[in-house]
Amino acid sequence: MPVLPPVPPASLDPYLDATARCFVRYGVRRTSVQDVAQELGVNRTTVYRQVGTVEQQAMLLLIRDAHRLLTALPGWVDGPIGPQTVIDLVATVVRRAREHPVLAKVLADEPDLVGTYVTRDSAALIELVTGMLRPMLEAAVASGAIARRDPVVLAEWLVRNTVSLILTPPTVELEHYLAEILLPALVPVADR
């Protein structure tokens, strides 16, 4: 199973926070190492030494924030997994991701950048999150709380659809959309 690169050390947080502020202010393509240095009140060489180029900073920021999201994910599940829990979890992930200031800026002003990162890095992230969800879904299928489905396929399907919804939200209210799509797949036959 793939793993994310290790979370960057907390000592880099000020640099990554400054990078995020610059990305939100200028956009990823227009941010320079000098911008980050000015944001921090240090020289450019210090920024290069600590977090590298703007592309390296973007990757470190992505890795750090992906770790934060994945660490928080289990805490968003309150109680046993059922169809509504899955809908709530997907809606929470979609909303939190779309509210991330850097992602919001990129989606609004530089959407073509998303393709670069998605095609390069998404397969490992999808497999990692699928692996995290699989045990929860296996338990829910085994208990009869959700319909009998292959938990691996279901987990991957949920992750892939969540990524799609983050990048392109539905035209109707998110929970309504999710209920229309997910309930038929998740509600056990006996409960329909």
C-alpha atoms as a PDB file:
ATOM      1  CA  MET A   1       0.000   0.000   0.000  1.00  0.00           C
ATOM      2  CA  PRO A   2       1.444   3.415  -0.895  1.00  0.00           C
ATOM      3  CA  VAL A   3       2.187   5.902   1.799  1.00  0.00           C
ATOM      4  CA  LEU A   4       2.344   9.637   1.699  1.00  0.00           C
ATOM      5  CA  PRO A   5       5.787  11.073   2.082  1.00  0.00           C
ATOM      6  CA  PRO A   6       6.396  11.820   5.750  1.00  0.00           C
ATOM      7  CA  VAL A   7       4.812  14.923   7.206  1.00  0.00           C
ATOM      8  CA  PRO A   8       7.258  17.830   7.008  1.00  0.00           C
ATOM      9  CA  PRO A   9       8.765  18.749  10.388  1.00  0.00           C
ATOM     10  CA  ALA A  10       6.791  21.297  12.418  1.00  0.00           C
ATOM     11  CA  SER A  11       9.814  23.595  12.216  1.00  0.00           C
ATOM     12  CA  LEU A  12       8.858  24.180   8.558  1.00  0.00           C
ATOM     13  CA  ASP A  13       5.317  25.291   9.421  1.00  0.00           C
ATOM     14  CA  PRO A  14       6.164  29.023   9.419  1.00  0.00           C
ATOM     15  CA  TYR A  15       7.653  28.661   5.936  1.00  0.00           C
ATOM     16  CA  LEU A  16       4.713  26.614   4.656  1.00  0.00           C
ATOM     17  CA  ASP A  17       2.206  28.982   6.251  1.00  0.00           C
ATOM     18  CA  ALA A  18       3.953  31.911   4.535  1.00  0.00           C
ATOM     19  CA  THR A  19       3.923  29.973   1.257  1.00  0.00           C
ATOM     20  CA  ALA A  20       0.189  29.367   1.642  1.00  0.00           C
ATOM     21  CA  ARG A  21      -0.457  33.060   2.306  1.00  0.00           C
ATOM     22  CA  CYS A  22       1.534  33.999  -0.799  1.00  0.00           C
ATOM     23  CA  PHE A  23      -0.273  31.404  -2.913  1.00  0.00           C
ATOM     24  CA  VAL A  24      -3.606  32.824  -1.773  1.00  0.00           C
ATOM     25  CA  ARG A  25      -2.478  36.391  -2.430  1.00  0.00           C
ATOM     26  CA  TYR A  26      -0.625  35.964  -5.743  1.00  0.00           C
ATOM     27  CA  GLY A  27      -1.486  32.488  -7.033  1.00  0.00           C
ATOM     28  CA  VAL A  28       0.923  29.585  -7.280  1.00  0.00           C
ATOM     29  CA  ARG A  29       2.458  30.602 -10.604  1.00  0.00           C
ATOM     30  CA  ARG A  30       3.015  34.198  -9.548  1.00  0.00           C
ATOM     31  CA  THR A  31       4.559  33.417  -6.177  1.00  0.00           C
ATOM     32  CA  SER A  32       8.330  33.593  -5.979  1.00  0.00           C
ATOM     33  CA  VAL A  33      10.750  32.474  -3.314  1.00  0.00           C
ATOM     34  CA  GLN A  34      11.410  36.173  -2.758  1.00  0.00           C
ATOM     35  CA  ASP A  35       7.703  36.703  -1.974  1.00  0.00           C
ATOM     36  CA  VAL A  36       7.846  33.981   0.675  1.00  0.00           C
ATOM     37  CA  ALA A  37      11.063  35.440   2.085  1.00  0.00           C
ATOM     38  CA  GLN A  38       9.468  38.892   2.346  1.00  0.00           C
ATOM     39  CA  GLU A  39       6.386  37.385   3.981  1.00  0.00           C
ATOM     40  CA  LEU A  40       8.648  35.834   6.623  1.00  0.00           C
ATOM     41  CA  GLY A  41      11.056  38.756   6.929  1.00  0.00           C
ATOM     42  CA  VAL A  42      14.067  36.594   6.018  1.00  0.00           C
ATOM     43  CA  ASN A  43      16.351  36.418   3.019  1.00  0.00           C
ATOM     44  CA  ARG A  44      15.679  34.306  -0.039  1.00  0.00           C
ATOM     45  CA  THR A  45      18.593  31.976   0.667  1.00  0.00           C
ATOM     46  CA  THR A  46      17.049  30.996   4.001  1.00  0.00           C
ATOM     47  CA  VAL A  47      13.803  30.033   2.280  1.00  0.00           C
ATOM     48  CA  TYR A  48      15.639  28.009  -0.379  1.00  0.00           C
ATOM     49  CA  ARG A  49      17.650  26.228   2.285  1.00  0.00           C
ATOM     50  CA  GLN A  50      14.593  25.364   4.392  1.00  0.00           C
ATOM     51  CA  VAL A  51      11.879  24.571   1.836  1.00  0.00           C
ATOM     52  CA  GLY A  52      13.438  24.823  -1.637  1.00  0.00           C
ATOM     53  CA  THR A  53      11.827  26.162  -4.777  1.00  0.00           C
ATOM     54  CA  VAL A  54       8.223  27.269  -5.078  1.00  0.00           C
ATOM     55  CA  GLU A  55       7.328  23.875  -6.595  1.00  0.00           C
ATOM     56  CA  GLN A  56       9.010  22.090  -3.673  1.00  0.00           C
ATOM     57  CA  GLN A  57       7.158  24.365  -1.250  1.00  0.00           C
ATOM     58  CA  ALA A  58       3.868  23.525  -2.985  1.00  0.00           C
ATOM     59  CA  MET A  59       4.567  19.804  -2.614  1.00  0.00           C
ATOM     60  CA  LEU A  60       5.534  20.170   1.061  1.00  0.00           C
ATOM     61  CA  LEU A  61       2.365  22.181   1.690  1.00  0.00           C
ATOM     62  CA  LEU A  62       0.260  19.570  -0.123  1.00  0.00           C
ATOM     63  CA  ILE A  63       1.865  16.744   1.877  1.00  0.00           C
ATOM     64  CA  ARG A  64       1.433  18.563   5.189  1.00  0.00           C
ATOM     65  CA  ASP A  65      -2.197  19.424   4.552  1.00  0.00           C
ATOM     66  CA  ALA A  66      -3.003  15.938   3.214  1.00  0.00           C
ATOM     67  CA  HIS A  67      -1.600  14.490   6.446  1.00  0.00           C
ATOM     68  CA  ARG A  68      -3.743  16.895   8.458  1.00  0.00           C
ATOM     69  CA  LEU A  69      -6.856  15.883   6.510  1.00  0.00           C
ATOM     70  CA  LEU A  70      -6.165  12.171   6.823  1.00  0.00           C
ATOM     71  CA  THR A  71      -5.414  12.495  10.540  1.00  0.00           C
ATOM     72  CA  ALA A  72      -8.718  14.312  11.120  1.00  0.00           C
ATOM     73  CA  LEU A  73     -10.787  11.939   8.955  1.00  0.00           C
ATOM     74  CA  PRO A  74     -11.452   9.208  11.565  1.00  0.00           C
ATOM     75  CA  GLY A  75     -12.622  11.850  14.052  1.00  0.00           C
ATOM     76  CA  TRP A  76     -15.346  12.943  11.650  1.00  0.00           C
ATOM     77  CA  VAL A  77     -17.035   9.563  11.967  1.00  0.00           C
ATOM     78  CA  ASP A  78     -19.290   9.594  15.003  1.00  0.00           C
ATOM     79  CA  GLY A  79     -20.616   6.149  15.820  1.00  0.00           C
ATOM     80  CA  PRO A  80     -21.203   3.166  13.576  1.00  0.00           C
ATOM     81  CA  ILE A  81     -20.920   3.518   9.813  1.00  0.00           C
ATOM     82  CA  GLY A  82     -24.222   3.577   7.952  1.00  0.00           C
ATOM     83  CA  PRO A  83     -25.438   5.159   4.718  1.00  0.00           C
ATOM     84  CA  GLN A  84     -26.034   8.589   6.294  1.00  0.00           C
ATOM     85  CA  THR A  85     -22.627   8.506   7.998  1.00  0.00           C
ATOM     86  CA  VAL A  86     -20.982   7.921   4.627  1.00  0.00           C
ATOM     87  CA  ILE A  87     -22.906  10.827   3.093  1.00  0.00           C
ATOM     88  CA  ASP A  88     -21.960  13.098   5.999  1.00  0.00           C
ATOM     89  CA  LEU A  89     -18.300  12.067   5.782  1.00  0.00           C
ATOM     90  CA  VAL A  90     -18.064  12.674   2.038  1.00  0.00           C
ATOM     91  CA  ALA A  91     -19.842  16.041   2.378  1.00  0.00           C
ATOM     92  CA  THR A  92     -17.470  17.087   5.179  1.00  0.00           C
ATOM     93  CA  VAL A  93     -14.379  16.147   3.187  1.00  0.00           C
ATOM     94  CA  VAL A  94     -15.651  17.946   0.071  1.00  0.00           C
ATOM     95  CA  ARG A  95     -16.508  21.107   2.003  1.00  0.00           C
ATOM     96  CA  ARG A  96     -13.281  21.203   4.004  1.00  0.00           C
ATOM     97  CA  ALA A  97     -11.181  20.653   0.897  1.00  0.00           C
ATOM     98  CA  ARG A  98     -13.030  23.334  -1.081  1.00  0.00           C
ATOM     99  CA  GLU A  99     -12.664  25.750   1.852  1.00  0.00           C
ATOM    100  CA  HIS A 100      -8.884  25.306   1.920  1.00  0.00           C
ATOM    101  CA  PRO A 101      -7.674  28.778   0.917  1.00  0.00           C
ATOM    102  CA  VAL A 102      -4.932  27.598  -1.449  1.00  0.00           C
ATOM    103  CA  LEU A 103      -7.139  25.047  -3.199  1.00  0.00           C
ATOM    104  CA  ALA A 104      -9.923  27.621  -3.503  1.00  0.00           C
ATOM    105  CA  LYS A 105      -7.480  30.089  -5.111  1.00  0.00           C
ATOM    106  CA  VAL A 106      -6.110  27.453  -7.497  1.00  0.00           C
ATOM    107  CA  LEU A 107      -9.585  26.254  -8.510  1.00  0.00           C
ATOM    108  CA  ALA A 108     -10.697  29.848  -9.120  1.00  0.00           C
ATOM    109  CA  ASP A 109      -7.610  31.271 -10.838  1.00  0.00           C
ATOM    110  CA  GLU A 110      -5.314  28.441 -11.948  1.00  0.00           C
ATOM    111  CA  PRO A 111      -7.496  25.358 -12.484  1.00  0.00           C
ATOM    112  CA  ASP A 112      -5.094  23.908 -15.053  1.00  0.00           C
ATOM    113  CA  LEU A 113      -2.569  23.405 -12.225  1.00  0.00           C
ATOM    114  CA  VAL A 114      -4.917  20.868 -10.662  1.00  0.00           C
ATOM    115  CA  GLY A 115      -4.434  18.536 -13.603  1.00  0.00           C
ATOM    116  CA  THR A 116      -0.685  18.571 -13.107  1.00  0.00           C
ATOM    117  CA  TYR A 117      -0.935  17.492  -9.478  1.00  0.00           C
ATOM    118  CA  VAL A 118      -3.882  15.139  -9.939  1.00  0.00           C
ATOM    119  CA  THR A 119      -2.290  13.148 -12.736  1.00  0.00           C
ATOM    120  CA  ARG A 120       1.066  12.988 -10.981  1.00  0.00           C
ATOM    121  CA  ASP A 121       0.102  12.330  -7.371  1.00  0.00           C
ATOM    122  CA  SER A 122      -3.515  11.255  -7.054  1.00  0.00           C
ATOM    123  CA  ALA A 123      -3.165   7.502  -7.646  1.00  0.00           C
ATOM    124  CA  ALA A 124      -1.114   6.980  -4.479  1.00  0.00           C
ATOM    125  CA  LEU A 125      -3.402   9.235  -2.434  1.00  0.00           C
ATOM    126  CA  ILE A 126      -6.524   7.446  -3.726  1.00  0.00           C
ATOM    127  CA  GLU A 127      -5.018   4.075  -2.849  1.00  0.00           C
ATOM    128  CA  LEU A 128      -3.953   5.308   0.589  1.00  0.00           C
ATOM    129  CA  VAL A 129      -7.386   6.733   1.496  1.00  0.00           C
ATOM    130  CA  THR A 130      -9.104   3.671   0.033  1.00  0.00           C
ATOM    131  CA  GLY A 131      -6.987   1.560   2.368  1.00  0.00           C
ATOM    132  CA  MET A 132      -8.030   3.707   5.325  1.00  0.00           C
ATOM    133  CA  LEU A 133     -11.748   3.447   4.502  1.00  0.00           C
ATOM    134  CA  ARG A 134     -11.773  -0.262   3.678  1.00  0.00           C
ATOM    135  CA  PRO A 135     -11.773  -1.577   7.287  1.00  0.00           C
ATOM    136  CA  MET A 136     -14.625   0.757   8.278  1.00  0.00           C
ATOM    137  CA  LEU A 137     -16.654  -0.299   5.249  1.00  0.00           C
ATOM    138  CA  GLU A 138     -15.866  -3.992   5.795  1.00  0.00           C
ATOM    139  CA  ALA A 139     -17.226  -3.716   9.335  1.00  0.00           C
ATOM    140  CA  ALA A 140     -20.344  -1.886   8.121  1.00  0.00           C
ATOM    141  CA  VAL A 141     -21.001  -4.517   5.428  1.00  0.00           C
ATOM    142  CA  ALA A 142     -20.395  -7.357   7.899  1.00  0.00           C
ATOM    143  CA  SER A 143     -22.821  -5.840  10.423  1.00  0.00           C
ATOM    144  CA  GLY A 144     -25.481  -5.265   7.768  1.00  0.00           C
ATOM    145  CA  ALA A 145     -25.423  -1.488   8.287  1.00  0.00           C
ATOM    146  CA  ILE A 146     -24.732  -0.936   4.609  1.00  0.00           C
ATOM    147  CA  ALA A 147     -25.537  -3.052   1.561  1.00  0.00           C
ATOM    148  CA  ARG A 148     -23.386  -6.019   0.643  1.00  0.00           C
ATOM    149  CA  ARG A 149     -20.716  -4.545  -1.586  1.00  0.00           C
ATOM    150  CA  ASP A 150     -17.056  -5.237  -2.156  1.00  0.00           C
ATOM    151  CA  PRO A 151     -15.540  -2.898   0.479  1.00  0.00           C
ATOM    152  CA  VAL A 152     -12.396  -2.281  -1.603  1.00  0.00           C
ATOM    153  CA  VAL A 153     -14.367  -1.267  -4.690  1.00  0.00           C
ATOM    154  CA  LEU A 154     -16.803   0.781  -2.593  1.00  0.00           C
ATOM    155  CA  ALA A 155     -13.985   2.599  -0.799  1.00  0.00           C
ATOM    156  CA  GLU A 156     -12.202   3.414  -4.053  1.00  0.00           C
ATOM    157  CA  TRP A 157     -15.468   4.514  -5.673  1.00  0.00           C
ATOM    158  CA  LEU A 158     -16.175   6.850  -2.744  1.00  0.00           C
ATOM    159  CA  VAL A 159     -12.665   8.326  -2.837  1.00  0.00           C
ATOM    160  CA  ARG A 160     -12.690   8.873  -6.592  1.00  0.00           C
ATOM    161  CA  ASN A 161     -16.127  10.500  -6.465  1.00  0.00           C
ATOM    162  CA  THR A 162     -15.080  12.671  -3.541  1.00  0.00           C
ATOM    163  CA  VAL A 163     -12.072  13.933  -5.515  1.00  0.00           C
ATOM    164  CA  SER A 164     -14.364  14.686  -8.445  1.00  0.00           C
ATOM    165  CA  LEU A 165     -16.772  16.614  -6.196  1.00  0.00           C
ATOM    166  CA  ILE A 166     -13.900  18.603  -4.685  1.00  0.00           C
ATOM    167  CA  LEU A 167     -12.748  19.666  -8.135  1.00  0.00           C
ATOM    168  CA  THR A 168     -16.208  20.212  -9.627  1.00  0.00           C
ATOM    169  CA  PRO A 169     -19.105  20.617  -7.178  1.00  0.00           C
ATOM    170  CA  PRO A 170     -22.578  19.451  -8.158  1.00  0.00           C
ATOM    171  CA  THR A 171     -25.137  21.911  -9.450  1.00  0.00           C
ATOM    172  CA  VAL A 172     -27.573  20.959  -6.670  1.00  0.00           C
ATOM    173  CA  GLU A 173     -27.146  20.988  -2.887  1.00  0.00           C
ATOM    174  CA  LEU A 174     -24.303  18.624  -1.948  1.00  0.00           C
ATOM    175  CA  GLU A 175     -26.156  16.423   0.568  1.00  0.00           C
ATOM    176  CA  HIS A 176     -29.097  16.017  -1.825  1.00  0.00           C
ATOM    177  CA  TYR A 177     -26.723  15.024  -4.612  1.00  0.00           C
ATOM    178  CA  LEU A 178     -24.903  12.537  -2.370  1.00  0.00           C
ATOM    179  CA  ALA A 179     -28.133  11.039  -1.073  1.00  0.00           C
ATOM    180  CA  GLU A 180     -29.452  10.529  -4.610  1.00  0.00           C
ATOM    181  CA  ILE A 181     -26.238   8.824  -5.703  1.00  0.00           C
ATOM    182  CA  LEU A 182     -25.126   6.993  -2.566  1.00  0.00           C
ATOM    183  CA  LEU A 183     -28.282   5.804  -0.825  1.00  0.00           C
ATOM    184  CA  PRO A 184     -29.240   3.335  -3.580  1.00  0.00           C
ATOM    185  CA  ALA A 185     -25.753   1.846  -3.365  1.00  0.00           C
ATOM    186  CA  LEU A 186     -25.489   1.826   0.446  1.00  0.00           C
ATOM    187  CA  VAL A 187     -28.893   1.085   1.937  1.00  0.00           C
ATOM    188  CA  PRO A 188     -29.259  -2.655   2.646  1.00  0.00           C
ATOM    189  CA  VAL A 189     -31.900  -4.360   0.488  1.00  0.00           C
ATOM    190  CA  ALA A 190     -33.983  -5.268   3.573  1.00  0.00           C
ATOM    191  CA  ASP A 191     -34.265  -1.546   4.495  1.00  0.00           C
ATOM    192  CA  ARG A 192     -35.461  -0.324   1.088  1.00  0.00           C
END
